[in-house]
N, C-alpha and C. Protein backbone atom coordinates (compact mmCIF):
# COMPACT_ATOMS: atom_id res chain seq x y z
N UNK A 1 79.77 -7.56 -74.19
CA UNK A 1 80.90 -6.82 -73.65
C UNK A 1 81.38 -7.50 -72.38
N UNK A 2 82.68 -7.49 -72.19
CA UNK A 2 83.25 -8.10 -70.99
C UNK A 2 82.98 -7.22 -69.78
N UNK A 3 83.11 -7.80 -68.61
CA UNK A 3 82.91 -7.06 -67.37
C UNK A 3 83.96 -5.95 -67.24
N UNK A 4 85.16 -6.19 -67.70
CA UNK A 4 86.22 -5.17 -67.66
C UNK A 4 85.83 -3.98 -68.53
N UNK A 5 85.33 -4.25 -69.71
CA UNK A 5 84.90 -3.19 -70.61
C UNK A 5 83.74 -2.41 -70.01
N UNK A 6 82.81 -3.10 -69.39
CA UNK A 6 81.67 -2.42 -68.75
C UNK A 6 82.13 -1.53 -67.60
N UNK A 7 83.06 -2.02 -66.81
CA UNK A 7 83.57 -1.23 -65.68
C UNK A 7 84.28 0.02 -66.19
N UNK A 8 85.14 -0.15 -67.20
CA UNK A 8 85.85 1.00 -67.77
C UNK A 8 84.87 2.00 -68.38
N UNK A 9 83.87 1.50 -69.08
CA UNK A 9 82.85 2.37 -69.67
C UNK A 9 82.12 3.15 -68.59
N UNK A 10 81.75 2.47 -67.52
CA UNK A 10 81.08 3.12 -66.39
C UNK A 10 81.97 4.21 -65.77
N UNK A 11 83.25 3.90 -65.59
CA UNK A 11 84.17 4.86 -64.96
C UNK A 11 84.36 6.11 -65.81
N UNK A 12 84.50 5.93 -67.13
CA UNK A 12 84.68 7.15 -67.94
C UNK A 12 83.36 7.92 -68.08
N UNK A 13 82.23 7.22 -67.99
CA UNK A 13 80.95 7.93 -67.96
C UNK A 13 80.87 8.79 -66.70
N UNK A 14 81.22 8.22 -65.55
CA UNK A 14 81.23 8.98 -64.30
C UNK A 14 82.17 10.18 -64.39
N UNK A 15 83.33 9.94 -64.95
CA UNK A 15 84.32 11.01 -65.10
C UNK A 15 83.74 12.16 -65.93
N UNK A 16 83.04 11.83 -67.00
CA UNK A 16 82.50 12.87 -67.86
C UNK A 16 81.28 13.56 -67.27
N UNK A 17 80.50 12.86 -66.45
CA UNK A 17 79.45 13.54 -65.70
C UNK A 17 80.07 14.52 -64.70
N UNK A 18 81.20 14.13 -64.11
CA UNK A 18 81.90 15.04 -63.20
C UNK A 18 82.42 16.26 -63.96
N UNK A 19 82.98 16.06 -65.15
CA UNK A 19 83.43 17.19 -65.97
C UNK A 19 82.27 18.13 -66.25
N UNK A 20 81.11 17.56 -66.59
CA UNK A 20 79.92 18.37 -66.83
C UNK A 20 79.63 19.24 -65.61
N UNK A 21 79.59 18.62 -64.45
CA UNK A 21 79.29 19.34 -63.21
C UNK A 21 80.27 20.48 -62.96
N UNK A 22 81.54 20.19 -63.05
CA UNK A 22 82.57 21.20 -62.77
C UNK A 22 82.50 22.33 -63.79
N UNK A 23 82.42 21.98 -65.06
CA UNK A 23 82.48 23.01 -66.10
C UNK A 23 81.18 23.82 -66.21
N UNK A 24 80.06 23.22 -65.89
CA UNK A 24 78.80 23.95 -66.00
C UNK A 24 78.40 24.68 -64.72
N UNK A 25 78.75 24.11 -63.56
CA UNK A 25 78.22 24.65 -62.32
C UNK A 25 79.27 25.12 -61.31
N UNK A 26 80.51 24.74 -61.48
CA UNK A 26 81.55 25.09 -60.50
C UNK A 26 82.74 25.80 -61.12
N UNK A 27 82.61 26.27 -62.34
CA UNK A 27 83.74 26.84 -63.08
C UNK A 27 84.41 28.00 -62.36
N UNK A 28 83.64 28.83 -61.70
CA UNK A 28 84.22 30.01 -61.06
C UNK A 28 84.58 29.79 -59.59
N UNK A 29 84.33 28.60 -59.08
CA UNK A 29 84.65 28.30 -57.67
C UNK A 29 86.16 28.29 -57.45
N UNK A 30 86.62 28.73 -56.29
CA UNK A 30 88.06 28.77 -56.01
C UNK A 30 88.77 27.43 -56.23
N UNK A 31 88.17 26.35 -55.81
CA UNK A 31 88.80 25.03 -55.96
C UNK A 31 88.96 24.66 -57.44
N UNK A 32 87.95 24.96 -58.25
CA UNK A 32 88.03 24.68 -59.68
C UNK A 32 89.08 25.57 -60.34
N UNK A 33 89.09 26.84 -59.96
CA UNK A 33 90.10 27.75 -60.53
C UNK A 33 91.50 27.26 -60.19
N UNK A 34 91.70 26.78 -58.98
CA UNK A 34 93.00 26.26 -58.58
C UNK A 34 93.37 25.04 -59.40
N UNK A 35 92.41 24.12 -59.59
CA UNK A 35 92.67 22.89 -60.35
C UNK A 35 93.04 23.19 -61.80
N UNK A 36 92.41 24.21 -62.37
CA UNK A 36 92.68 24.56 -63.77
C UNK A 36 93.72 25.66 -63.91
N UNK A 37 94.17 26.21 -62.80
CA UNK A 37 95.19 27.25 -62.84
C UNK A 37 94.70 28.54 -63.48
N UNK A 38 93.45 28.91 -63.17
CA UNK A 38 92.89 30.13 -63.77
C UNK A 38 92.64 31.18 -62.70
N UNK A 39 92.55 32.40 -63.15
CA UNK A 39 92.24 33.51 -62.26
C UNK A 39 90.73 33.68 -62.19
N UNK A 40 90.29 34.45 -61.20
CA UNK A 40 88.85 34.73 -61.07
C UNK A 40 88.34 35.47 -62.31
N UNK A 41 89.15 36.39 -62.81
CA UNK A 41 88.74 37.16 -63.99
C UNK A 41 88.59 36.26 -65.22
N UNK A 42 89.55 35.35 -65.42
CA UNK A 42 89.47 34.44 -66.55
C UNK A 42 88.27 33.51 -66.42
N UNK A 43 88.05 33.00 -65.21
CA UNK A 43 86.93 32.09 -64.98
C UNK A 43 85.60 32.78 -65.29
N UNK A 44 85.46 34.03 -64.86
CA UNK A 44 84.23 34.77 -65.15
C UNK A 44 84.08 35.02 -66.65
N UNK A 45 85.18 35.38 -67.30
CA UNK A 45 85.13 35.68 -68.74
C UNK A 45 84.87 34.43 -69.58
N UNK A 46 85.28 33.26 -69.11
CA UNK A 46 85.16 32.03 -69.90
C UNK A 46 84.03 31.12 -69.41
N UNK A 47 83.19 31.64 -68.52
CA UNK A 47 82.14 30.84 -67.90
C UNK A 47 81.19 30.21 -68.92
N UNK A 48 80.78 30.95 -69.91
CA UNK A 48 79.84 30.43 -70.91
C UNK A 48 80.53 29.38 -71.78
N UNK A 49 81.78 29.61 -72.13
CA UNK A 49 82.52 28.62 -72.91
C UNK A 49 82.72 27.32 -72.13
N UNK A 50 83.03 27.44 -70.86
CA UNK A 50 83.21 26.25 -70.02
C UNK A 50 81.90 25.48 -69.89
N UNK A 51 80.79 26.19 -69.75
CA UNK A 51 79.50 25.52 -69.64
C UNK A 51 79.18 24.76 -70.93
N UNK A 52 79.50 25.35 -72.06
CA UNK A 52 79.31 24.68 -73.35
C UNK A 52 80.16 23.42 -73.42
N UNK A 53 81.38 23.52 -73.00
CA UNK A 53 82.28 22.36 -72.97
C UNK A 53 81.75 21.29 -72.02
N UNK A 54 81.20 21.70 -70.89
CA UNK A 54 80.62 20.77 -69.94
C UNK A 54 79.43 20.03 -70.54
N UNK A 55 78.63 20.75 -71.31
CA UNK A 55 77.48 20.11 -71.96
C UNK A 55 77.95 19.01 -72.91
N UNK A 56 78.99 19.27 -73.67
CA UNK A 56 79.54 18.25 -74.57
C UNK A 56 80.03 17.03 -73.79
N UNK A 57 80.66 17.28 -72.66
CA UNK A 57 81.10 16.16 -71.82
C UNK A 57 79.91 15.37 -71.31
N UNK A 58 78.82 16.05 -71.04
CA UNK A 58 77.60 15.36 -70.63
C UNK A 58 77.04 14.48 -71.73
N UNK A 59 77.12 14.94 -72.97
CA UNK A 59 76.68 14.11 -74.10
C UNK A 59 77.53 12.85 -74.23
N UNK A 60 78.83 12.98 -74.01
CA UNK A 60 79.70 11.80 -74.03
C UNK A 60 79.30 10.83 -72.92
N UNK A 61 79.07 11.36 -71.73
CA UNK A 61 78.66 10.51 -70.61
C UNK A 61 77.34 9.82 -70.90
N UNK A 62 76.38 10.55 -71.46
CA UNK A 62 75.08 9.96 -71.78
C UNK A 62 75.23 8.83 -72.80
N UNK A 63 76.09 9.04 -73.78
CA UNK A 63 76.33 7.99 -74.78
C UNK A 63 76.96 6.75 -74.17
N UNK A 64 77.86 6.95 -73.23
CA UNK A 64 78.49 5.81 -72.56
C UNK A 64 77.48 5.05 -71.69
N UNK A 65 76.59 5.77 -71.04
CA UNK A 65 75.53 5.12 -70.27
C UNK A 65 74.59 4.36 -71.21
N UNK A 66 74.30 4.95 -72.35
CA UNK A 66 73.48 4.27 -73.36
C UNK A 66 74.14 2.96 -73.76
N UNK A 67 75.46 2.99 -73.97
CA UNK A 67 76.19 1.78 -74.33
C UNK A 67 76.03 0.71 -73.25
N UNK A 68 76.06 1.12 -72.00
CA UNK A 68 75.91 0.16 -70.90
C UNK A 68 74.50 -0.41 -70.83
N UNK A 69 73.51 0.39 -71.19
CA UNK A 69 72.12 -0.04 -71.10
C UNK A 69 71.64 -0.78 -72.34
N UNK A 70 72.35 -0.64 -73.43
CA UNK A 70 71.92 -1.23 -74.71
C UNK A 70 72.06 -2.75 -74.70
N UNK A 71 71.32 -3.36 -75.56
CA UNK A 71 71.44 -4.80 -75.75
C UNK A 71 72.78 -5.15 -76.36
N UNK A 72 73.14 -6.43 -76.34
CA UNK A 72 74.46 -6.85 -76.81
C UNK A 72 74.75 -6.50 -78.27
N UNK A 73 73.71 -6.44 -79.10
CA UNK A 73 73.93 -6.12 -80.51
C UNK A 73 74.43 -4.69 -80.71
N UNK A 74 73.99 -3.80 -79.85
CA UNK A 74 74.32 -2.38 -80.00
C UNK A 74 75.41 -1.91 -79.04
N UNK A 75 75.56 -2.57 -77.91
CA UNK A 75 76.46 -2.12 -76.85
C UNK A 75 77.90 -1.94 -77.32
N UNK A 76 78.41 -2.91 -78.04
CA UNK A 76 79.81 -2.84 -78.47
C UNK A 76 80.03 -1.67 -79.42
N UNK A 77 79.13 -1.49 -80.38
CA UNK A 77 79.28 -0.39 -81.34
C UNK A 77 79.21 0.97 -80.64
N UNK A 78 78.28 1.11 -79.71
CA UNK A 78 78.16 2.37 -78.96
C UNK A 78 79.39 2.63 -78.11
N UNK A 79 79.89 1.58 -77.46
CA UNK A 79 81.09 1.74 -76.64
C UNK A 79 82.27 2.16 -77.50
N UNK A 80 82.44 1.53 -78.64
CA UNK A 80 83.54 1.88 -79.54
C UNK A 80 83.41 3.34 -80.00
N UNK A 81 82.20 3.73 -80.38
CA UNK A 81 82.02 5.10 -80.85
C UNK A 81 82.30 6.12 -79.75
N UNK A 82 81.64 5.97 -78.60
CA UNK A 82 81.78 6.99 -77.54
C UNK A 82 83.15 6.95 -76.88
N UNK A 83 83.72 5.77 -76.68
CA UNK A 83 85.08 5.71 -76.13
C UNK A 83 86.08 6.29 -77.14
N UNK A 84 85.81 6.09 -78.41
CA UNK A 84 86.65 6.70 -79.46
C UNK A 84 86.55 8.22 -79.42
N UNK A 85 85.34 8.75 -79.23
CA UNK A 85 85.17 10.20 -79.11
C UNK A 85 85.92 10.75 -77.90
N UNK A 86 85.83 10.04 -76.78
CA UNK A 86 86.55 10.45 -75.56
C UNK A 86 88.05 10.46 -75.82
N UNK A 87 88.54 9.43 -76.49
CA UNK A 87 89.97 9.33 -76.77
C UNK A 87 90.44 10.47 -77.66
N UNK A 88 89.71 10.75 -78.72
CA UNK A 88 90.08 11.84 -79.64
C UNK A 88 90.03 13.18 -78.92
N UNK A 89 88.98 13.40 -78.12
CA UNK A 89 88.88 14.65 -77.36
C UNK A 89 90.06 14.79 -76.40
N UNK A 90 90.44 13.69 -75.76
CA UNK A 90 91.57 13.71 -74.84
C UNK A 90 92.90 13.96 -75.54
N UNK A 91 93.06 13.38 -76.71
CA UNK A 91 94.29 13.61 -77.48
C UNK A 91 94.38 15.07 -77.91
N UNK A 92 93.27 15.61 -78.37
CA UNK A 92 93.26 17.02 -78.80
C UNK A 92 93.49 17.95 -77.61
N UNK A 93 92.79 17.70 -76.51
CA UNK A 93 92.96 18.53 -75.33
C UNK A 93 94.38 18.44 -74.77
N UNK A 94 94.95 17.24 -74.80
CA UNK A 94 96.32 17.06 -74.32
C UNK A 94 97.33 17.78 -75.19
N UNK A 95 97.06 17.82 -76.49
CA UNK A 95 97.98 18.48 -77.42
C UNK A 95 97.83 19.99 -77.41
N UNK A 96 96.63 20.48 -77.12
CA UNK A 96 96.38 21.92 -77.26
C UNK A 96 96.20 22.68 -75.95
N UNK A 97 95.74 22.00 -74.89
CA UNK A 97 95.40 22.72 -73.67
C UNK A 97 96.34 22.37 -72.51
N UNK A 98 96.41 21.08 -72.17
CA UNK A 98 97.18 20.67 -71.00
C UNK A 98 97.57 19.21 -71.16
N UNK A 99 98.83 18.92 -71.03
CA UNK A 99 99.32 17.54 -71.21
C UNK A 99 98.65 16.56 -70.25
N UNK A 100 98.21 17.02 -69.10
CA UNK A 100 97.56 16.16 -68.11
C UNK A 100 96.29 15.50 -68.68
N UNK A 101 95.67 16.15 -69.66
CA UNK A 101 94.45 15.62 -70.27
C UNK A 101 94.72 14.28 -70.95
N UNK A 102 95.93 14.06 -71.43
CA UNK A 102 96.28 12.76 -72.01
C UNK A 102 95.99 11.64 -71.01
N UNK A 103 96.36 11.87 -69.76
CA UNK A 103 96.24 10.83 -68.74
C UNK A 103 94.85 10.78 -68.11
N UNK A 104 94.19 11.91 -68.01
CA UNK A 104 92.88 11.98 -67.37
C UNK A 104 91.75 11.55 -68.31
N UNK A 105 91.90 11.85 -69.60
CA UNK A 105 90.82 11.59 -70.54
C UNK A 105 91.21 10.61 -71.64
N UNK A 106 92.31 10.89 -72.33
CA UNK A 106 92.67 10.05 -73.49
C UNK A 106 93.02 8.62 -73.09
N UNK A 107 93.82 8.45 -72.06
CA UNK A 107 94.24 7.11 -71.65
C UNK A 107 93.06 6.25 -71.21
N UNK A 108 92.18 6.75 -70.30
CA UNK A 108 91.01 5.92 -69.95
C UNK A 108 90.11 5.62 -71.16
N UNK A 109 89.94 6.58 -72.03
CA UNK A 109 89.14 6.35 -73.24
C UNK A 109 89.76 5.29 -74.12
N UNK A 110 91.08 5.36 -74.28
CA UNK A 110 91.78 4.39 -75.11
C UNK A 110 91.71 2.99 -74.50
N UNK A 111 91.89 2.88 -73.20
CA UNK A 111 91.81 1.57 -72.54
C UNK A 111 90.41 0.97 -72.69
N UNK A 112 89.40 1.81 -72.59
CA UNK A 112 88.02 1.34 -72.78
C UNK A 112 87.82 0.90 -74.22
N UNK A 113 88.29 1.67 -75.15
CA UNK A 113 88.20 1.33 -76.57
C UNK A 113 88.90 0.01 -76.85
N UNK A 114 90.10 -0.12 -76.33
CA UNK A 114 90.86 -1.35 -76.50
C UNK A 114 90.13 -2.54 -75.91
N UNK A 115 89.55 -2.37 -74.73
CA UNK A 115 88.82 -3.48 -74.11
C UNK A 115 87.59 -3.87 -74.92
N UNK A 116 86.98 -2.91 -75.57
CA UNK A 116 85.80 -3.22 -76.40
C UNK A 116 86.21 -4.08 -77.61
N UNK A 117 87.38 -3.83 -78.13
CA UNK A 117 87.86 -4.61 -79.28
C UNK A 117 88.41 -5.98 -78.89
N UNK A 118 89.11 -6.04 -77.76
CA UNK A 118 89.85 -7.25 -77.42
C UNK A 118 89.14 -8.20 -76.47
N UNK A 119 88.27 -7.68 -75.63
CA UNK A 119 87.67 -8.54 -74.59
C UNK A 119 86.20 -8.83 -74.88
């Protein structure tokens, strides 16, 4: 894998560890509610769902770290798989939840995926 691909993979892994943290541990915090445009009541009611979503983001991050740690024979395939998952999740989230997700999740995932194929 190229250094560009490794950097992009690392950055989206960090991003998804951050998503895990926010969704699992900070969902009801005022700053998080402001960022997601939710009320305190909604945040409390959706806390378990957000934690579940955060756990999935953690699995994506773990897979991306695995790709970085894997040997050259496996690294490219893992990067393609997990960056592809990030891209699909971002496309779905952007289409169904918030258009901003296209830029925050789908675009970085796609750029990482593209770098894995081209570089």
